[in-house]
């Protein structure tokens, strides 16, 4: 599958022309997965608003064998994938970043929403932040994190690089004052998705926390999700962090 993807990307580059490069858009996490009492799914839509026809490759970067699918989109056309893991890739469950690569002159519009299914009811879909190209800052902060009887929080660390990525995570309630600090290593082409309690086990519960994340590995992404007892999830994108 890796060879097939490499050939597809080379074809996109050739289609784009010798003086141009292909474009990439990244969704930090898409999934079909079970949580406590809920099945989470992700819908994805790709819109060709570039003004020209283009080939598209969608890849689950950290899933086993990095499965990929290929399709064409004409000018103004869109392709929507309800439950992208099951419908597009035919997998019963997975959690992975999604990379969308095209030979268009600029990146296409990619939208992603996550929702939960609990006792036959579907929660309100929540948007997932999408990135065009690389989005790196050595310090990034995730705000508005809660872990109480009503809320639970997960944190995701994504490493697209060829070498292991080292992360320093500091839990804060007041900027500049660390309540707890931990180090984590994420292997190449891997996603670490963990509850905040497992990262900082000595902190039992609380509201209004931030996690400051530092790494020197450039090809990385971080995110958080906060879920309430009604199974409504809220995706949290990072801001640029300061010490």
C-alpha atoms as a PDB file:
ATOM      1  CA  UNK A   1       0.000   0.000   0.000  1.00  0.00           C
ATOM      2  CA  UNK A   2       2.877   2.381   0.735  1.00  0.00           C
ATOM      3  CA  UNK A   3       4.291   1.747  -2.761  1.00  0.00           C
ATOM      4  CA  UNK A   4       0.891   2.316  -4.313  1.00  0.00           C
ATOM      5  CA  UNK A   5       0.510   5.594  -2.454  1.00  0.00           C
ATOM      6  CA  UNK A   6       3.998   6.725  -3.462  1.00  0.00           C
ATOM      7  CA  UNK A   7       3.220   6.016  -7.114  1.00  0.00           C
ATOM      8  CA  UNK A   8      -0.054   7.922  -6.813  1.00  0.00           C
ATOM      9  CA  UNK A   9       1.650  10.954  -5.275  1.00  0.00           C
ATOM     10  CA  UNK A  10       4.311  10.899  -7.991  1.00  0.00           C
ATOM     11  CA  UNK A  11       1.540  10.812 -10.587  1.00  0.00           C
ATOM     12  CA  UNK A  12      -0.135  13.800  -8.937  1.00  0.00           C
ATOM     13  CA  UNK A  13       3.131  15.701  -8.974  1.00  0.00           C
ATOM     14  CA  UNK A  14       3.621  14.936 -12.651  1.00  0.00           C
ATOM     15  CA  UNK A  15       0.045  15.952 -13.407  1.00  0.00           C
ATOM     16  CA  UNK A  16       0.530  19.224 -11.537  1.00  0.00           C
ATOM     17  CA  UNK A  17       3.517  20.083 -13.752  1.00  0.00           C
ATOM     18  CA  UNK A  18       7.237  20.275 -13.297  1.00  0.00           C
ATOM     19  CA  UNK A  19       7.102  23.771 -11.759  1.00  0.00           C
ATOM     20  CA  UNK A  20       4.324  22.984  -9.277  1.00  0.00           C
ATOM     21  CA  UNK A  21       3.890  20.644  -6.351  1.00  0.00           C
ATOM     22  CA  UNK A  22       0.891  18.695  -5.118  1.00  0.00           C
ATOM     23  CA  UNK A  23      -1.096  20.055  -2.164  1.00  0.00           C
ATOM     24  CA  UNK A  24      -2.023  18.351   1.087  1.00  0.00           C
ATOM     25  CA  UNK A  25      -4.746  18.881   3.655  1.00  0.00           C
ATOM     26  CA  UNK A  26      -4.746  17.081   6.998  1.00  0.00           C
ATOM     27  CA  UNK A  27      -7.576  16.159   9.353  1.00  0.00           C
ATOM     28  CA  UNK A  28      -5.784  15.381  12.657  1.00  0.00           C
ATOM     29  CA  UNK A  29      -8.149  12.551  13.560  1.00  0.00           C
ATOM     30  CA  UNK A  30     -11.035  10.671  11.955  1.00  0.00           C
ATOM     31  CA  UNK A  31     -12.466   7.495  13.337  1.00  0.00           C
ATOM     32  CA  UNK A  32     -15.070   4.869  13.875  1.00  0.00           C
ATOM     33  CA  UNK A  33     -14.509   3.754  17.436  1.00  0.00           C
ATOM     34  CA  UNK A  34     -16.311   2.844  20.638  1.00  0.00           C
ATOM     35  CA  UNK A  35     -16.168   5.022  23.732  1.00  0.00           C
ATOM     36  CA  UNK A  36     -17.977   4.504  27.055  1.00  0.00           C
ATOM     37  CA  UNK A  37     -21.539   3.751  25.897  1.00  0.00           C
ATOM     38  CA  UNK A  38     -21.174   5.472  22.520  1.00  0.00           C
ATOM     39  CA  UNK A  39     -20.026   4.744  18.965  1.00  0.00           C
ATOM     40  CA  UNK A  40     -18.103   7.641  17.434  1.00  0.00           C
ATOM     41  CA  UNK A  41     -18.044   8.248  13.691  1.00  0.00           C
ATOM     42  CA  UNK A  42     -16.613  10.898  11.370  1.00  0.00           C
ATOM     43  CA  UNK A  43     -18.059  12.318   8.146  1.00  0.00           C
ATOM     44  CA  UNK A  44     -15.739  13.897   5.572  1.00  0.00           C
ATOM     45  CA  UNK A  45     -16.467  16.064   2.530  1.00  0.00           C
ATOM     46  CA  UNK A  46     -13.966  17.058  -0.174  1.00  0.00           C
ATOM     47  CA  UNK A  47     -14.930  20.005  -2.410  1.00  0.00           C
ATOM     48  CA  UNK A  48     -13.049  20.877  -5.580  1.00  0.00           C
ATOM     49  CA  UNK A  49     -13.244  24.653  -5.527  1.00  0.00           C
ATOM     50  CA  UNK A  50      -9.906  25.083  -7.328  1.00  0.00           C
ATOM     51  CA  UNK A  51     -11.369  25.766 -10.769  1.00  0.00           C
ATOM     52  CA  UNK A  52      -9.832  22.739 -12.497  1.00  0.00           C
ATOM     53  CA  UNK A  53     -10.265  18.971 -12.486  1.00  0.00           C
ATOM     54  CA  UNK A  54      -7.867  17.040 -10.264  1.00  0.00           C
ATOM     55  CA  UNK A  55      -7.096  13.607  -8.910  1.00  0.00           C
ATOM     56  CA  UNK A  56      -7.419  13.044  -5.159  1.00  0.00           C
ATOM     57  CA  UNK A  57      -5.732  10.591  -2.807  1.00  0.00           C
ATOM     58  CA  UNK A  58      -7.116  10.096   0.724  1.00  0.00           C
ATOM     59  CA  UNK A  59      -4.923   8.174   3.162  1.00  0.00           C
ATOM     60  CA  UNK A  60      -5.376   6.949   6.725  1.00  0.00           C
ATOM     61  CA  UNK A  61      -1.807   7.769   7.673  1.00  0.00           C
ATOM     62  CA  UNK A  62      -1.399   5.821  10.921  1.00  0.00           C
ATOM     63  CA  UNK A  63      -3.851   2.966  10.338  1.00  0.00           C
ATOM     64  CA  UNK A  64      -2.367  -0.491   9.642  1.00  0.00           C
ATOM     65  CA  UNK A  65      -0.905  -0.568   6.105  1.00  0.00           C
ATOM     66  CA  UNK A  66      -1.951   3.096   5.644  1.00  0.00           C
ATOM     67  CA  UNK A  67      -4.943   2.341   3.381  1.00  0.00           C
ATOM     68  CA  UNK A  68      -5.627   4.856   0.604  1.00  0.00           C
ATOM     69  CA  UNK A  69      -8.418   5.534  -1.881  1.00  0.00           C
ATOM     70  CA  UNK A  70      -8.263   7.398  -5.190  1.00  0.00           C
ATOM     71  CA  UNK A  71     -10.889   9.404  -7.082  1.00  0.00           C
ATOM     72  CA  UNK A  72     -11.305  12.312  -9.493  1.00  0.00           C
ATOM     73  CA  UNK A  73     -13.191  15.557  -8.895  1.00  0.00           C
ATOM     74  CA  UNK A  74     -14.201  17.990 -11.615  1.00  0.00           C
ATOM     75  CA  UNK A  75     -14.444  21.748 -11.077  1.00  0.00           C
ATOM     76  CA  UNK A  76     -17.162  22.500  -8.507  1.00  0.00           C
ATOM     77  CA  UNK A  77     -17.732  18.830  -7.701  1.00  0.00           C
ATOM     78  CA  UNK A  78     -17.831  17.458  -4.165  1.00  0.00           C
ATOM     79  CA  UNK A  79     -17.588  13.990  -2.685  1.00  0.00           C
ATOM     80  CA  UNK A  80     -19.020  13.228   0.751  1.00  0.00           C
ATOM     81  CA  UNK A  81     -18.181  10.218   2.884  1.00  0.00           C
ATOM     82  CA  UNK A  82     -20.616   9.564   5.748  1.00  0.00           C
ATOM     83  CA  UNK A  83     -18.672   7.382   8.198  1.00  0.00           C
ATOM     84  CA  UNK A  84     -15.419   7.808   6.267  1.00  0.00           C
ATOM     85  CA  UNK A  85     -13.745   4.838   7.988  1.00  0.00           C
ATOM     86  CA  UNK A  86     -16.474   2.369   7.038  1.00  0.00           C
ATOM     87  CA  UNK A  87     -17.772   3.774   3.755  1.00  0.00           C
ATOM     88  CA  UNK A  88     -14.568   5.003   2.132  1.00  0.00           C
ATOM     89  CA  UNK A  89     -12.052   2.516   3.519  1.00  0.00           C
ATOM     90  CA  UNK A  90     -14.245  -0.470   4.403  1.00  0.00           C
ATOM     91  CA  UNK A  91     -12.854  -0.828   7.918  1.00  0.00           C
ATOM     92  CA  UNK A  92     -15.004  -1.833  10.911  1.00  0.00           C
ATOM     93  CA  UNK A  93     -13.098   0.525  13.213  1.00  0.00           C
ATOM     94  CA  UNK A  94     -10.005   2.718  13.185  1.00  0.00           C
ATOM     95  CA  UNK A  95      -8.650   6.014  14.508  1.00  0.00           C
ATOM     96  CA  UNK A  96      -6.147   7.876  12.351  1.00  0.00           C
ATOM     97  CA  UNK A  97      -5.239  11.227  10.871  1.00  0.00           C
ATOM     98  CA  UNK A  98      -6.567  11.645   7.342  1.00  0.00           C
ATOM     99  CA  UNK A  99      -4.322  13.133   4.652  1.00  0.00           C
ATOM    100  CA  UNK A 100      -5.916  14.451   1.443  1.00  0.00           C
ATOM    101  CA  UNK A 101      -3.448  14.956  -1.421  1.00  0.00           C
ATOM    102  CA  UNK A 102      -4.333  16.493  -4.794  1.00  0.00           C
ATOM    103  CA  UNK A 103      -2.605  17.689  -7.938  1.00  0.00           C
ATOM    104  CA  UNK A 104      -4.676  20.883  -7.973  1.00  0.00           C
ATOM    105  CA  UNK A 105      -3.062  24.312  -8.047  1.00  0.00           C
ATOM    106  CA  UNK A 106      -4.183  24.883  -4.457  1.00  0.00           C
ATOM    107  CA  UNK A 107      -5.653  22.775  -1.696  1.00  0.00           C
ATOM    108  CA  UNK A 108      -9.261  21.704  -1.983  1.00  0.00           C
ATOM    109  CA  UNK A 109     -11.760  22.450   0.759  1.00  0.00           C
ATOM    110  CA  UNK A 110     -11.994  19.553   3.220  1.00  0.00           C
ATOM    111  CA  UNK A 111     -14.607  19.425   5.981  1.00  0.00           C
ATOM    112  CA  UNK A 112     -14.877  16.887   8.779  1.00  0.00           C
ATOM    113  CA  UNK A 113     -17.473  16.422  11.523  1.00  0.00           C
ATOM    114  CA  UNK A 114     -17.600  13.963  14.400  1.00  0.00           C
ATOM    115  CA  UNK A 115     -20.721  12.658  16.139  1.00  0.00           C
ATOM    116  CA  UNK A 116     -21.728   9.933  18.574  1.00  0.00           C
ATOM    117  CA  UNK A 117     -24.445   7.285  18.386  1.00  0.00           C
ATOM    118  CA  UNK A 118     -25.886   6.416  21.797  1.00  0.00           C
ATOM    119  CA  UNK A 119     -28.978   4.236  22.307  1.00  0.00           C
ATOM    120  CA  UNK A 120     -29.951   4.802  18.677  1.00  0.00           C
ATOM    121  CA  UNK A 121     -29.717   8.590  18.945  1.00  0.00           C
ATOM    122  CA  UNK A 122     -27.175  10.690  17.067  1.00  0.00           C
ATOM    123  CA  UNK A 123     -25.494  13.562  18.895  1.00  0.00           C
ATOM    124  CA  UNK A 124     -25.035  16.984  17.344  1.00  0.00           C
ATOM    125  CA  UNK A 125     -22.164  16.851  14.808  1.00  0.00           C
ATOM    126  CA  UNK A 126     -19.114  18.843  15.837  1.00  0.00           C
ATOM    127  CA  UNK A 127     -16.576  20.255  13.345  1.00  0.00           C
ATOM    128  CA  UNK A 128     -12.982  19.025  13.339  1.00  0.00           C
ATOM    129  CA  UNK A 129     -10.283  21.588  12.545  1.00  0.00           C
ATOM    130  CA  UNK A 130      -8.542  20.927   9.223  1.00  0.00           C
ATOM    131  CA  UNK A 131      -5.037  22.073   8.240  1.00  0.00           C
ATOM    132  CA  UNK A 132      -3.589  22.925   4.838  1.00  0.00           C
ATOM    133  CA  UNK A 133       0.097  22.147   4.511  1.00  0.00           C
ATOM    134  CA  UNK A 134       2.285  21.919   7.589  1.00  0.00           C
ATOM    135  CA  UNK A 135       1.135  23.669  10.755  1.00  0.00           C
ATOM    136  CA  UNK A 136       4.050  23.621  13.191  1.00  0.00           C
ATOM    137  CA  UNK A 137       4.852  25.695  16.270  1.00  0.00           C
ATOM    138  CA  UNK A 138       7.330  24.509  18.926  1.00  0.00           C
ATOM    139  CA  UNK A 139       4.856  25.497  21.679  1.00  0.00           C
ATOM    140  CA  UNK A 140       1.152  24.749  21.361  1.00  0.00           C
ATOM    141  CA  UNK A 141      -1.583  24.964  23.972  1.00  0.00           C
ATOM    142  CA  UNK A 142      -4.899  23.142  24.343  1.00  0.00           C
ATOM    143  CA  UNK A 143      -7.412  25.119  26.420  1.00  0.00           C
ATOM    144  CA  UNK A 144     -10.763  24.471  28.083  1.00  0.00           C
ATOM    145  CA  UNK A 145     -10.001  20.937  29.235  1.00  0.00           C
ATOM    146  CA  UNK A 146     -12.209  19.299  31.867  1.00  0.00           C
ATOM    147  CA  UNK A 147     -12.211  15.947  33.616  1.00  0.00           C
ATOM    148  CA  UNK A 148     -15.103  15.682  36.079  1.00  0.00           C
ATOM    149  CA  UNK A 149     -18.166  13.518  36.640  1.00  0.00           C
ATOM    150  CA  UNK A 150     -19.771  15.357  33.708  1.00  0.00           C
ATOM    151  CA  UNK A 151     -16.865  15.682  31.283  1.00  0.00           C
ATOM    152  CA  UNK A 152     -13.963  13.600  30.057  1.00  0.00           C
ATOM    153  CA  UNK A 153     -11.031  14.755  27.937  1.00  0.00           C
ATOM    154  CA  UNK A 154      -8.755  12.978  25.484  1.00  0.00           C
ATOM    155  CA  UNK A 155      -5.539  14.345  23.986  1.00  0.00           C
ATOM    156  CA  UNK A 156      -4.055  13.348  20.651  1.00  0.00           C
ATOM    157  CA  UNK A 157      -0.409  13.584  19.586  1.00  0.00           C
ATOM    158  CA  UNK A 158       0.310  12.945  15.900  1.00  0.00           C
ATOM    159  CA  UNK A 159       3.761  12.266  14.432  1.00  0.00           C
ATOM    160  CA  UNK A 160       4.004  12.179  10.638  1.00  0.00           C
ATOM    161  CA  UNK A 161       7.812  12.277  10.747  1.00  0.00           C
ATOM    162  CA  UNK A 162      10.355   9.580   9.907  1.00  0.00           C
ATOM    163  CA  UNK A 163      11.856   9.642  13.422  1.00  0.00           C
ATOM    164  CA  UNK A 164      10.311   9.369  16.903  1.00  0.00           C
ATOM    165  CA  UNK A 165       8.889  12.661  18.198  1.00  0.00           C
ATOM    166  CA  UNK A 166       9.518  13.800  21.775  1.00  0.00           C
ATOM    167  CA  UNK A 167       6.739  15.788  23.481  1.00  0.00           C
ATOM    168  CA  UNK A 168       6.822  17.698  26.773  1.00  0.00           C
ATOM    169  CA  UNK A 169       3.320  18.167  28.226  1.00  0.00           C
ATOM    170  CA  UNK A 170       2.618  20.572  31.087  1.00  0.00           C
ATOM    171  CA  UNK A 171      -0.766  20.752  32.803  1.00  0.00           C
ATOM    172  CA  UNK A 172      -1.705  24.300  33.840  1.00  0.00           C
ATOM    173  CA  UNK A 173      -4.651  26.155  35.287  1.00  0.00           C
ATOM    174  CA  UNK A 174      -2.833  29.492  35.554  1.00  0.00           C
ATOM    175  CA  UNK A 175      -0.489  30.387  32.652  1.00  0.00           C
ATOM    176  CA  UNK A 176       3.141  29.771  33.583  1.00  0.00           C
ATOM    177  CA  UNK A 177       2.336  27.598  36.615  1.00  0.00           C
ATOM    178  CA  UNK A 178       2.723  23.892  35.984  1.00  0.00           C
ATOM    179  CA  UNK A 179       0.642  21.516  38.065  1.00  0.00           C
ATOM    180  CA  UNK A 180       2.188  18.436  36.486  1.00  0.00           C
ATOM    181  CA  UNK A 181       4.709  17.681  33.738  1.00  0.00           C
ATOM    182  CA  UNK A 182       5.320  14.558  31.676  1.00  0.00           C
ATOM    183  CA  UNK A 183       7.335  13.450  28.663  1.00  0.00           C
ATOM    184  CA  UNK A 184       6.018  11.271  25.868  1.00  0.00           C
ATOM    185  CA  UNK A 185       7.510   9.703  22.743  1.00  0.00           C
ATOM    186  CA  UNK A 186       5.375   9.038  19.674  1.00  0.00           C
ATOM    187  CA  UNK A 187       6.781   6.671  17.072  1.00  0.00           C
ATOM    188  CA  UNK A 188       7.028   7.637  13.368  1.00  0.00           C
ATOM    189  CA  UNK A 189       3.728   7.731  11.471  1.00  0.00           C
ATOM    190  CA  UNK A 190       1.812   7.174  14.698  1.00  0.00           C
ATOM    191  CA  UNK A 191      -1.081   8.655  16.658  1.00  0.00           C
ATOM    192  CA  UNK A 192      -1.218   8.582  20.460  1.00  0.00           C
ATOM    193  CA  UNK A 193      -4.795   9.191  21.671  1.00  0.00           C
ATOM    194  CA  UNK A 194      -5.099   9.133  25.471  1.00  0.00           C
ATOM    195  CA  UNK A 195      -7.300  10.267  28.322  1.00  0.00           C
ATOM    196  CA  UNK A 196      -5.928  13.238  30.233  1.00  0.00           C
ATOM    197  CA  UNK A 197      -6.106  11.204  33.461  1.00  0.00           C
ATOM    198  CA  UNK A 198      -3.725   8.608  32.016  1.00  0.00           C
ATOM    199  CA  UNK A 199      -1.238  11.372  31.120  1.00  0.00           C
ATOM    200  CA  UNK A 200      -1.486  13.129  34.505  1.00  0.00           C
ATOM    201  CA  UNK A 201      -2.641  10.395  36.926  1.00  0.00           C
ATOM    202  CA  UNK A 202      -1.956  12.432  40.071  1.00  0.00           C
ATOM    203  CA  UNK A 203      -4.604  15.040  39.126  1.00  0.00           C
ATOM    204  CA  UNK A 204      -7.967  13.514  40.004  1.00  0.00           C
ATOM    205  CA  UNK A 205     -10.428  15.999  38.491  1.00  0.00           C
ATOM    206  CA  UNK A 206     -11.076  19.650  37.689  1.00  0.00           C
ATOM    207  CA  UNK A 207     -12.199  22.186  35.110  1.00  0.00           C
ATOM    208  CA  UNK A 208     -10.619  24.954  33.057  1.00  0.00           C
ATOM    209  CA  UNK A 209      -7.245  23.286  32.539  1.00  0.00           C
ATOM    210  CA  UNK A 210      -4.787  23.881  29.718  1.00  0.00           C
ATOM    211  CA  UNK A 211      -2.040  21.617  28.449  1.00  0.00           C
ATOM    212  CA  UNK A 212       1.084  23.289  27.054  1.00  0.00           C
ATOM    213  CA  UNK A 213       2.843  20.997  24.560  1.00  0.00           C
ATOM    214  CA  UNK A 214       6.425  21.466  23.382  1.00  0.00           C
ATOM    215  CA  UNK A 215       8.218  19.525  20.638  1.00  0.00           C
ATOM    216  CA  UNK A 216      11.053  20.115  18.209  1.00  0.00           C
ATOM    217  CA  UNK A 217       9.583  17.646  15.692  1.00  0.00           C
ATOM    218  CA  UNK A 218       8.069  19.701  12.895  1.00  0.00           C
ATOM    219  CA  UNK A 219       5.754  17.189  11.210  1.00  0.00           C
ATOM    220  CA  UNK A 220       3.420  16.926  14.211  1.00  0.00           C
ATOM    221  CA  UNK A 221      -0.118  17.844  15.204  1.00  0.00           C
ATOM    222  CA  UNK A 222      -1.878  17.999  18.562  1.00  0.00           C
ATOM    223  CA  UNK A 223      -5.551  18.164  19.501  1.00  0.00           C
ATOM    224  CA  UNK A 224      -8.001  17.480  22.321  1.00  0.00           C
ATOM    225  CA  UNK A 225     -11.618  16.391  22.582  1.00  0.00           C
ATOM    226  CA  UNK A 226     -13.969  17.050  25.487  1.00  0.00           C
ATOM    227  CA  UNK A 227     -17.051  14.839  25.795  1.00  0.00           C
ATOM    228  CA  UNK A 228     -20.007  15.379  28.127  1.00  0.00           C
ATOM    229  CA  UNK A 229     -22.441  12.850  29.579  1.00  0.00           C
ATOM    230  CA  UNK A 230     -24.866  13.517  26.706  1.00  0.00           C
ATOM    231  CA  UNK A 231     -22.175  12.114  24.391  1.00  0.00           C
ATOM    232  CA  UNK A 232     -21.625  15.476  22.691  1.00  0.00           C
ATOM    233  CA  UNK A 233     -18.005  15.909  21.711  1.00  0.00           C
ATOM    234  CA  UNK A 234     -16.085  19.170  21.288  1.00  0.00           C
ATOM    235  CA  UNK A 235     -12.912  19.148  19.201  1.00  0.00           C
ATOM    236  CA  UNK A 236     -10.232  21.512  20.517  1.00  0.00           C
ATOM    237  CA  UNK A 237      -7.586  22.830  18.156  1.00  0.00           C
ATOM    238  CA  UNK A 238      -4.331  24.188  19.572  1.00  0.00           C
ATOM    239  CA  UNK A 239      -3.332  27.821  19.841  1.00  0.00           C
ATOM    240  CA  UNK A 240       0.238  29.077  19.722  1.00  0.00           C
ATOM    241  CA  UNK A 241       1.647  28.591  23.190  1.00  0.00           C
ATOM    242  CA  UNK A 242       3.742  30.933  25.330  1.00  0.00           C
ATOM    243  CA  UNK A 243       5.772  30.194  28.426  1.00  0.00           C
END
